[in-house]
């Protein structure tokens, strides 16, 4: 049986959005991943704002071949089951680094580029649902996470939000 990560590629395609840099490279900032259903006319759109950055990356961009990480795989399978046609995966913080040890001691101005907040605001204006998914903070100071949550909720205060996790 295929994992959810593998199955998600049968439901959605990763869409290149300019001027986004989708490359997963430690030290870079990545703001958004956009997925479109392979089965069109399903209707709704959603923005999922995740605690941690995704390691989803292109395998071969010219062939639109991509590799989902386990969390994105689960998210996309859930979105498919709920008939979302467009899924935006945004990040609470934009820094790309899956090693929590390197994130310890970092403050929000290092973990989150100001462009990230602009992308969050822009994407959330145009979707049907906004889901804030707080997961494991992966070693980032809980006080820094609490500050970032407060900043994020201020950006999104005019919207109805759905929350998953802490």
C-alpha atoms as a PDB file:
ATOM      1  CA  UNK A   1       0.000   0.000   0.000  1.00  0.00           C
ATOM      2  CA  UNK A   2       1.294   3.457  -0.904  1.00  0.00           C
ATOM      3  CA  UNK A   3       2.041   5.964   1.828  1.00  0.00           C
ATOM      4  CA  UNK A   4      -0.052   9.129   2.016  1.00  0.00           C
ATOM      5  CA  UNK A   5       2.924  11.048   0.637  1.00  0.00           C
ATOM      6  CA  UNK A   6       3.035   8.829  -2.438  1.00  0.00           C
ATOM      7  CA  UNK A   7      -0.764   8.821  -2.853  1.00  0.00           C
ATOM      8  CA  UNK A   8      -0.945  12.614  -2.679  1.00  0.00           C
ATOM      9  CA  UNK A   9       0.900  12.847  -6.022  1.00  0.00           C
ATOM     10  CA  UNK A  10      -2.061  11.063  -7.603  1.00  0.00           C
ATOM     11  CA  UNK A  11      -4.422  13.763  -6.301  1.00  0.00           C
ATOM     12  CA  UNK A  12      -2.534  17.031  -6.761  1.00  0.00           C
ATOM     13  CA  UNK A  13       0.160  18.622  -8.881  1.00  0.00           C
ATOM     14  CA  UNK A  14       2.639  21.176  -7.553  1.00  0.00           C
ATOM     15  CA  UNK A  15       2.196  24.452  -9.434  1.00  0.00           C
ATOM     16  CA  UNK A  16       5.013  26.916 -10.054  1.00  0.00           C
ATOM     17  CA  UNK A  17       4.049  30.410  -8.900  1.00  0.00           C
ATOM     18  CA  UNK A  18       6.353  33.213  -9.987  1.00  0.00           C
ATOM     19  CA  UNK A  19       8.400  34.773  -8.483  1.00  0.00           C
ATOM     20  CA  UNK A  20       8.424  31.998  -5.893  1.00  0.00           C
ATOM     21  CA  UNK A  21      11.546  29.935  -5.385  1.00  0.00           C
ATOM     22  CA  UNK A  22      10.332  26.427  -4.557  1.00  0.00           C
ATOM     23  CA  UNK A  23      13.821  25.037  -4.090  1.00  0.00           C
ATOM     24  CA  UNK A  24      14.267  23.476  -0.671  1.00  0.00           C
ATOM     25  CA  UNK A  25      17.655  24.790   0.390  1.00  0.00           C
ATOM     26  CA  UNK A  26      18.751  25.266   3.993  1.00  0.00           C
ATOM     27  CA  UNK A  27      19.125  28.943   4.840  1.00  0.00           C
ATOM     28  CA  UNK A  28      16.729  30.166   2.163  1.00  0.00           C
ATOM     29  CA  UNK A  29      13.253  31.464   2.837  1.00  0.00           C
ATOM     30  CA  UNK A  30      10.314  29.769   1.143  1.00  0.00           C
ATOM     31  CA  UNK A  31       6.857  31.241   1.485  1.00  0.00           C
ATOM     32  CA  UNK A  32       4.300  29.069  -0.239  1.00  0.00           C
ATOM     33  CA  UNK A  33       3.592  25.873  -2.124  1.00  0.00           C
ATOM     34  CA  UNK A  34       0.533  25.795  -4.398  1.00  0.00           C
ATOM     35  CA  UNK A  35      -1.184  22.555  -5.355  1.00  0.00           C
ATOM     36  CA  UNK A  36      -3.989  22.040  -7.874  1.00  0.00           C
ATOM     37  CA  UNK A  37      -6.220  18.994  -7.959  1.00  0.00           C
ATOM     38  CA  UNK A  38      -5.605  16.629 -10.853  1.00  0.00           C
ATOM     39  CA  UNK A  39      -9.385  16.132 -10.816  1.00  0.00           C
ATOM     40  CA  UNK A  40     -10.655  19.661 -11.625  1.00  0.00           C
ATOM     41  CA  UNK A  41     -13.976  21.274 -10.760  1.00  0.00           C
ATOM     42  CA  UNK A  42     -13.896  20.047  -7.194  1.00  0.00           C
ATOM     43  CA  UNK A  43     -14.542  23.595  -6.026  1.00  0.00           C
ATOM     44  CA  UNK A  44     -13.136  24.950  -2.795  1.00  0.00           C
ATOM     45  CA  UNK A  45      -9.756  26.440  -2.000  1.00  0.00           C
ATOM     46  CA  UNK A  46      -7.849  26.477   1.265  1.00  0.00           C
ATOM     47  CA  UNK A  47      -4.741  27.939   2.829  1.00  0.00           C
ATOM     48  CA  UNK A  48      -3.000  25.666   5.319  1.00  0.00           C
ATOM     49  CA  UNK A  49      -0.587  27.594   7.555  1.00  0.00           C
ATOM     50  CA  UNK A  50       1.837  25.092   9.029  1.00  0.00           C
ATOM     51  CA  UNK A  51       4.140  25.432  12.023  1.00  0.00           C
ATOM     52  CA  UNK A  52       7.175  24.060  10.195  1.00  0.00           C
ATOM     53  CA  UNK A  53       8.444  24.509   6.681  1.00  0.00           C
ATOM     54  CA  UNK A  54       7.888  21.684   4.238  1.00  0.00           C
ATOM     55  CA  UNK A  55      10.715  19.669   2.704  1.00  0.00           C
ATOM     56  CA  UNK A  56       8.568  19.049  -0.382  1.00  0.00           C
ATOM     57  CA  UNK A  57      10.704  19.722  -3.417  1.00  0.00           C
ATOM     58  CA  UNK A  58      10.930  19.291  -7.166  1.00  0.00           C
ATOM     59  CA  UNK A  59      12.498  16.045  -8.372  1.00  0.00           C
ATOM     60  CA  UNK A  60      12.483  17.250 -11.980  1.00  0.00           C
ATOM     61  CA  UNK A  61      10.825  20.612 -12.458  1.00  0.00           C
ATOM     62  CA  UNK A  62      10.838  20.333 -16.257  1.00  0.00           C
ATOM     63  CA  UNK A  63       8.665  17.206 -15.973  1.00  0.00           C
ATOM     64  CA  UNK A  64       6.621  18.690 -13.094  1.00  0.00           C
ATOM     65  CA  UNK A  65       7.777  15.784 -10.935  1.00  0.00           C
ATOM     66  CA  UNK A  66       7.826  16.562  -7.224  1.00  0.00           C
ATOM     67  CA  UNK A  67       8.454  14.777  -3.964  1.00  0.00           C
ATOM     68  CA  UNK A  68       6.050  15.405  -1.052  1.00  0.00           C
ATOM     69  CA  UNK A  69       7.191  15.200   2.546  1.00  0.00           C
ATOM     70  CA  UNK A  70       5.067  13.110   4.978  1.00  0.00           C
ATOM     71  CA  UNK A  71       3.192  16.111   6.405  1.00  0.00           C
ATOM     72  CA  UNK A  72       2.306  17.533   2.987  1.00  0.00           C
ATOM     73  CA  UNK A  73       1.218  14.040   1.935  1.00  0.00           C
ATOM     74  CA  UNK A  74      -1.186  13.815   4.880  1.00  0.00           C
ATOM     75  CA  UNK A  75      -2.464  17.357   4.346  1.00  0.00           C
ATOM     76  CA  UNK A  76      -3.134  16.774   0.639  1.00  0.00           C
ATOM     77  CA  UNK A  77      -4.892  13.452   1.250  1.00  0.00           C
ATOM     78  CA  UNK A  78      -7.152  15.169   3.789  1.00  0.00           C
ATOM     79  CA  UNK A  79      -7.779  18.078   1.395  1.00  0.00           C
ATOM     80  CA  UNK A  80      -8.613  15.674  -1.426  1.00  0.00           C
ATOM     81  CA  UNK A  81     -11.120  13.884   0.795  1.00  0.00           C
ATOM     82  CA  UNK A  82     -12.715  17.256   1.563  1.00  0.00           C
ATOM     83  CA  UNK A  83     -12.909  18.188  -2.125  1.00  0.00           C
ATOM     84  CA  UNK A  84     -10.442  21.073  -2.188  1.00  0.00           C
ATOM     85  CA  UNK A  85      -9.384  21.953  -5.709  1.00  0.00           C
ATOM     86  CA  UNK A  86      -6.672  24.467  -4.768  1.00  0.00           C
ATOM     87  CA  UNK A  87      -4.430  24.054  -1.710  1.00  0.00           C
ATOM     88  CA  UNK A  88      -1.884  26.621  -0.599  1.00  0.00           C
ATOM     89  CA  UNK A  89       0.629  25.445   1.992  1.00  0.00           C
ATOM     90  CA  UNK A  90       2.081  28.408   3.848  1.00  0.00           C
ATOM     91  CA  UNK A  91       4.468  28.473   6.774  1.00  0.00           C
ATOM     92  CA  UNK A  92       4.231  30.168  10.132  1.00  0.00           C
ATOM     93  CA  UNK A  93       7.907  30.937   9.673  1.00  0.00           C
ATOM     94  CA  UNK A  94       9.734  31.023   6.364  1.00  0.00           C
ATOM     95  CA  UNK A  95      13.267  29.845   7.140  1.00  0.00           C
ATOM     96  CA  UNK A  96      14.169  26.561   5.477  1.00  0.00           C
ATOM     97  CA  UNK A  97      15.931  24.234   7.883  1.00  0.00           C
ATOM     98  CA  UNK A  98      14.660  20.845   9.015  1.00  0.00           C
ATOM     99  CA  UNK A  99      17.321  20.466  11.717  1.00  0.00           C
ATOM    100  CA  UNK A 100      15.809  21.807  14.958  1.00  0.00           C
ATOM    101  CA  UNK A 101      19.226  22.134  16.572  1.00  0.00           C
ATOM    102  CA  UNK A 102      20.089  24.964  14.192  1.00  0.00           C
ATOM    103  CA  UNK A 103      16.865  26.800  15.050  1.00  0.00           C
ATOM    104  CA  UNK A 104      17.469  26.914  18.801  1.00  0.00           C
ATOM    105  CA  UNK A 105      18.119  30.402  20.084  1.00  0.00           C
ATOM    106  CA  UNK A 106      16.868  32.054  16.876  1.00  0.00           C
ATOM    107  CA  UNK A 107      14.392  34.927  17.100  1.00  0.00           C
ATOM    108  CA  UNK A 108      11.416  35.631  14.837  1.00  0.00           C
ATOM    109  CA  UNK A 109      13.261  38.208  12.735  1.00  0.00           C
ATOM    110  CA  UNK A 110      15.688  35.421  11.707  1.00  0.00           C
ATOM    111  CA  UNK A 111      13.102  32.637  11.406  1.00  0.00           C
ATOM    112  CA  UNK A 112      10.581  34.670   9.444  1.00  0.00           C
ATOM    113  CA  UNK A 113      11.247  36.975   6.501  1.00  0.00           C
ATOM    114  CA  UNK A 114       8.814  39.929   6.220  1.00  0.00           C
ATOM    115  CA  UNK A 115       7.787  38.703   2.745  1.00  0.00           C
ATOM    116  CA  UNK A 116       6.223  35.674   4.414  1.00  0.00           C
ATOM    117  CA  UNK A 117       3.568  37.809   6.116  1.00  0.00           C
ATOM    118  CA  UNK A 118       2.767  39.483   2.779  1.00  0.00           C
ATOM    119  CA  UNK A 119       2.291  36.087   1.121  1.00  0.00           C
ATOM    120  CA  UNK A 120       0.099  34.877   3.994  1.00  0.00           C
ATOM    121  CA  UNK A 121      -2.104  37.987   3.762  1.00  0.00           C
ATOM    122  CA  UNK A 122      -2.292  37.852  -0.043  1.00  0.00           C
ATOM    123  CA  UNK A 123      -3.171  34.155  -0.262  1.00  0.00           C
ATOM    124  CA  UNK A 124      -5.682  34.225   2.591  1.00  0.00           C
ATOM    125  CA  UNK A 125      -7.687  37.001   0.894  1.00  0.00           C
ATOM    126  CA  UNK A 126      -8.573  34.680  -1.953  1.00  0.00           C
ATOM    127  CA  UNK A 127      -9.399  31.316  -0.348  1.00  0.00           C
ATOM    128  CA  UNK A 128     -12.559  29.745   1.013  1.00  0.00           C
ATOM    129  CA  UNK A 129     -10.971  28.278   4.162  1.00  0.00           C
ATOM    130  CA  UNK A 130      -7.936  29.081   6.315  1.00  0.00           C
ATOM    131  CA  UNK A 131      -6.562  26.313   8.488  1.00  0.00           C
ATOM    132  CA  UNK A 132      -3.842  27.078  11.022  1.00  0.00           C
ATOM    133  CA  UNK A 133      -2.018  23.837  11.843  1.00  0.00           C
ATOM    134  CA  UNK A 134       0.211  24.138  14.900  1.00  0.00           C
ATOM    135  CA  UNK A 135       2.505  21.159  15.135  1.00  0.00           C
ATOM    136  CA  UNK A 136       5.708  20.417  16.963  1.00  0.00           C
ATOM    137  CA  UNK A 137       7.866  23.530  17.318  1.00  0.00           C
ATOM    138  CA  UNK A 138      10.988  21.438  16.540  1.00  0.00           C
ATOM    139  CA  UNK A 139      13.255  22.993  19.120  1.00  0.00           C
ATOM    140  CA  UNK A 140      12.343  26.630  18.598  1.00  0.00           C
ATOM    141  CA  UNK A 141      11.888  28.463  21.898  1.00  0.00           C
ATOM    142  CA  UNK A 142       8.183  28.266  22.938  1.00  0.00           C
ATOM    143  CA  UNK A 143       8.248  32.003  23.766  1.00  0.00           C
ATOM    144  CA  UNK A 144       9.382  32.761  20.197  1.00  0.00           C
ATOM    145  CA  UNK A 145       6.595  30.507  18.874  1.00  0.00           C
ATOM    146  CA  UNK A 146       4.010  32.253  21.088  1.00  0.00           C
ATOM    147  CA  UNK A 147       5.169  35.646  19.774  1.00  0.00           C
ATOM    148  CA  UNK A 148       4.909  34.416  16.180  1.00  0.00           C
ATOM    149  CA  UNK A 149       1.427  32.963  16.790  1.00  0.00           C
ATOM    150  CA  UNK A 150       0.332  36.358  18.108  1.00  0.00           C
ATOM    151  CA  UNK A 151       1.754  38.090  14.997  1.00  0.00           C
ATOM    152  CA  UNK A 152       0.070  35.566  12.726  1.00  0.00           C
ATOM    153  CA  UNK A 153      -3.322  35.876  14.432  1.00  0.00           C
ATOM    154  CA  UNK A 154      -3.112  39.664  14.093  1.00  0.00           C
ATOM    155  CA  UNK A 155      -2.569  39.303  10.323  1.00  0.00           C
ATOM    156  CA  UNK A 156      -5.550  36.947  10.140  1.00  0.00           C
ATOM    157  CA  UNK A 157      -7.868  38.663  12.651  1.00  0.00           C
ATOM    158  CA  UNK A 158     -10.506  39.511  10.021  1.00  0.00           C
ATOM    159  CA  UNK A 159     -10.927  35.878   8.934  1.00  0.00           C
ATOM    160  CA  UNK A 160     -12.701  32.853  10.355  1.00  0.00           C
ATOM    161  CA  UNK A 161      -9.959  30.369  11.145  1.00  0.00           C
ATOM    162  CA  UNK A 162      -9.895  26.633  11.678  1.00  0.00           C
ATOM    163  CA  UNK A 163      -7.221  25.378  14.070  1.00  0.00           C
ATOM    164  CA  UNK A 164      -5.485  22.006  14.226  1.00  0.00           C
ATOM    165  CA  UNK A 165      -3.030  21.208  17.037  1.00  0.00           C
ATOM    166  CA  UNK A 166      -1.723  23.328  19.933  1.00  0.00           C
END
